[in-house]
């Protein structure tokens, strides 16, 4: 989904979004509930605003890369100007 939004492929991104909503709707495992929370509370309100959606995805990637660098095996992960 994120790759689609970053490459401005909004139609496929929305398809992945809808699929994530559908597949996690009645799933009460922690991971599925986390996905449901993400799509419902963070992505849904900005789904039609391409600029905000792209900003959200970039911020999420930056945060993930920052967390990865905390692992000893990932300390040398290069810092990207756009994605952290």
C-alpha atoms as a PDB file:
ATOM      1  CA  UNK A   1       0.000   0.000   0.000  1.00  0.00           C
ATOM      2  CA  UNK A   2       2.737   2.458   0.988  1.00  0.00           C
ATOM      3  CA  UNK A   3       4.673   1.888  -2.235  1.00  0.00           C
ATOM      4  CA  UNK A   4       1.555   2.634  -4.239  1.00  0.00           C
ATOM      5  CA  UNK A   5       0.929   5.879  -2.404  1.00  0.00           C
ATOM      6  CA  UNK A   6       4.569   6.971  -2.742  1.00  0.00           C
ATOM      7  CA  UNK A   7       4.507   6.327  -6.482  1.00  0.00           C
ATOM      8  CA  UNK A   8       1.155   8.152  -6.858  1.00  0.00           C
ATOM      9  CA  UNK A   9      -0.656   4.946  -7.802  1.00  0.00           C
ATOM     10  CA  UNK A  10      -3.733   5.975  -5.841  1.00  0.00           C
ATOM     11  CA  UNK A  11      -6.080   3.384  -7.350  1.00  0.00           C
ATOM     12  CA  UNK A  12      -3.926   0.401  -6.359  1.00  0.00           C
ATOM     13  CA  UNK A  13      -3.182   1.993  -2.982  1.00  0.00           C
ATOM     14  CA  UNK A  14      -6.899   2.293  -2.273  1.00  0.00           C
ATOM     15  CA  UNK A  15      -7.405  -1.310  -3.367  1.00  0.00           C
ATOM     16  CA  UNK A  16      -4.752  -2.458  -0.875  1.00  0.00           C
ATOM     17  CA  UNK A  17      -6.318  -0.212   1.774  1.00  0.00           C
ATOM     18  CA  UNK A  18      -9.771  -1.718   1.174  1.00  0.00           C
ATOM     19  CA  UNK A  19      -8.310  -5.224   1.254  1.00  0.00           C
ATOM     20  CA  UNK A  20      -6.584  -4.515   4.594  1.00  0.00           C
ATOM     21  CA  UNK A  21      -9.840  -3.230   6.053  1.00  0.00           C
ATOM     22  CA  UNK A  22     -11.780  -6.245   4.788  1.00  0.00           C
ATOM     23  CA  UNK A  23      -9.252  -8.870   5.886  1.00  0.00           C
ATOM     24  CA  UNK A  24      -8.830  -7.524   9.423  1.00  0.00           C
ATOM     25  CA  UNK A  25     -12.465  -6.600  10.087  1.00  0.00           C
ATOM     26  CA  UNK A  26     -13.351  -9.564  12.304  1.00  0.00           C
ATOM     27  CA  UNK A  27      -9.837 -10.629  13.272  1.00  0.00           C
ATOM     28  CA  UNK A  28      -9.045 -10.042  16.924  1.00  0.00           C
ATOM     29  CA  UNK A  29      -5.391 -11.018  16.906  1.00  0.00           C
ATOM     30  CA  UNK A  30      -3.119  -8.235  18.110  1.00  0.00           C
ATOM     31  CA  UNK A  31      -1.445  -7.765  14.717  1.00  0.00           C
ATOM     32  CA  UNK A  32      -4.768  -7.551  12.876  1.00  0.00           C
ATOM     33  CA  UNK A  33      -6.131  -5.113  15.425  1.00  0.00           C
ATOM     34  CA  UNK A  34      -3.040  -2.940  14.935  1.00  0.00           C
ATOM     35  CA  UNK A  35      -3.651  -2.894  11.174  1.00  0.00           C
ATOM     36  CA  UNK A  36      -7.323  -2.094  11.723  1.00  0.00           C
ATOM     37  CA  UNK A  37      -6.382   0.775  14.043  1.00  0.00           C
ATOM     38  CA  UNK A  38      -3.910   2.123  11.510  1.00  0.00           C
ATOM     39  CA  UNK A  39      -6.296   2.047   8.559  1.00  0.00           C
ATOM     40  CA  UNK A  40      -9.286   3.281  10.544  1.00  0.00           C
ATOM     41  CA  UNK A  41      -7.768   6.071  12.600  1.00  0.00           C
ATOM     42  CA  UNK A  42      -4.725   7.238  10.673  1.00  0.00           C
ATOM     43  CA  UNK A  43      -5.199   6.461   6.993  1.00  0.00           C
ATOM     44  CA  UNK A  44      -8.982   6.746   6.539  1.00  0.00           C
ATOM     45  CA  UNK A  45      -9.139  10.454   7.488  1.00  0.00           C
ATOM     46  CA  UNK A  46      -6.459  11.364   4.921  1.00  0.00           C
ATOM     47  CA  UNK A  47      -7.189   8.795   2.194  1.00  0.00           C
ATOM     48  CA  UNK A  48      -8.497  11.396  -0.244  1.00  0.00           C
ATOM     49  CA  UNK A  49      -5.735  13.932   0.512  1.00  0.00           C
ATOM     50  CA  UNK A  50      -2.784  12.726  -1.552  1.00  0.00           C
ATOM     51  CA  UNK A  51      -0.319  15.205  -0.069  1.00  0.00           C
ATOM     52  CA  UNK A  52      -1.117  14.300   3.546  1.00  0.00           C
ATOM     53  CA  UNK A  53      -1.139  10.611   2.687  1.00  0.00           C
ATOM     54  CA  UNK A  54       2.333  10.831   1.160  1.00  0.00           C
ATOM     55  CA  UNK A  55       3.584  12.789   4.199  1.00  0.00           C
ATOM     56  CA  UNK A  56       2.158  10.116   6.508  1.00  0.00           C
ATOM     57  CA  UNK A  57       3.836   7.289   4.576  1.00  0.00           C
ATOM     58  CA  UNK A  58       7.208   9.072   4.550  1.00  0.00           C
ATOM     59  CA  UNK A  59       6.953   9.757   8.295  1.00  0.00           C
ATOM     60  CA  UNK A  60       6.098   6.086   8.901  1.00  0.00           C
ATOM     61  CA  UNK A  61       9.092   4.931   6.871  1.00  0.00           C
ATOM     62  CA  UNK A  62      11.370   7.338   8.761  1.00  0.00           C
ATOM     63  CA  UNK A  63      10.100   6.049  12.087  1.00  0.00           C
ATOM     64  CA  UNK A  64      10.575   2.425  11.024  1.00  0.00           C
ATOM     65  CA  UNK A  65      14.113   3.061   9.816  1.00  0.00           C
ATOM     66  CA  UNK A  66      14.933   4.819  13.082  1.00  0.00           C
ATOM     67  CA  UNK A  67      13.691   1.824  15.068  1.00  0.00           C
ATOM     68  CA  UNK A  68      15.647  -0.549  12.823  1.00  0.00           C
ATOM     69  CA  UNK A  69      18.881   1.368  13.455  1.00  0.00           C
ATOM     70  CA  UNK A  70      18.527   0.620  17.161  1.00  0.00           C
ATOM     71  CA  UNK A  71      19.188  -3.066  16.424  1.00  0.00           C
ATOM     72  CA  UNK A  72      22.854  -3.979  16.486  1.00  0.00           C
ATOM     73  CA  UNK A  73      22.640  -5.729  13.119  1.00  0.00           C
ATOM     74  CA  UNK A  74      21.164  -2.613  11.490  1.00  0.00           C
ATOM     75  CA  UNK A  75      23.405   0.110  12.970  1.00  0.00           C
ATOM     76  CA  UNK A  76      24.977   0.713   9.560  1.00  0.00           C
ATOM     77  CA  UNK A  77      21.663   1.247   7.754  1.00  0.00           C
ATOM     78  CA  UNK A  78      22.323   4.248   5.558  1.00  0.00           C
ATOM     79  CA  UNK A  79      20.455   7.438   6.350  1.00  0.00           C
ATOM     80  CA  UNK A  80      18.380   8.505   3.377  1.00  0.00           C
ATOM     81  CA  UNK A  81      17.709  12.215   2.926  1.00  0.00           C
ATOM     82  CA  UNK A  82      13.987  11.713   2.317  1.00  0.00           C
ATOM     83  CA  UNK A  83      13.239   8.513   4.238  1.00  0.00           C
ATOM     84  CA  UNK A  84      15.583   8.873   7.191  1.00  0.00           C
END
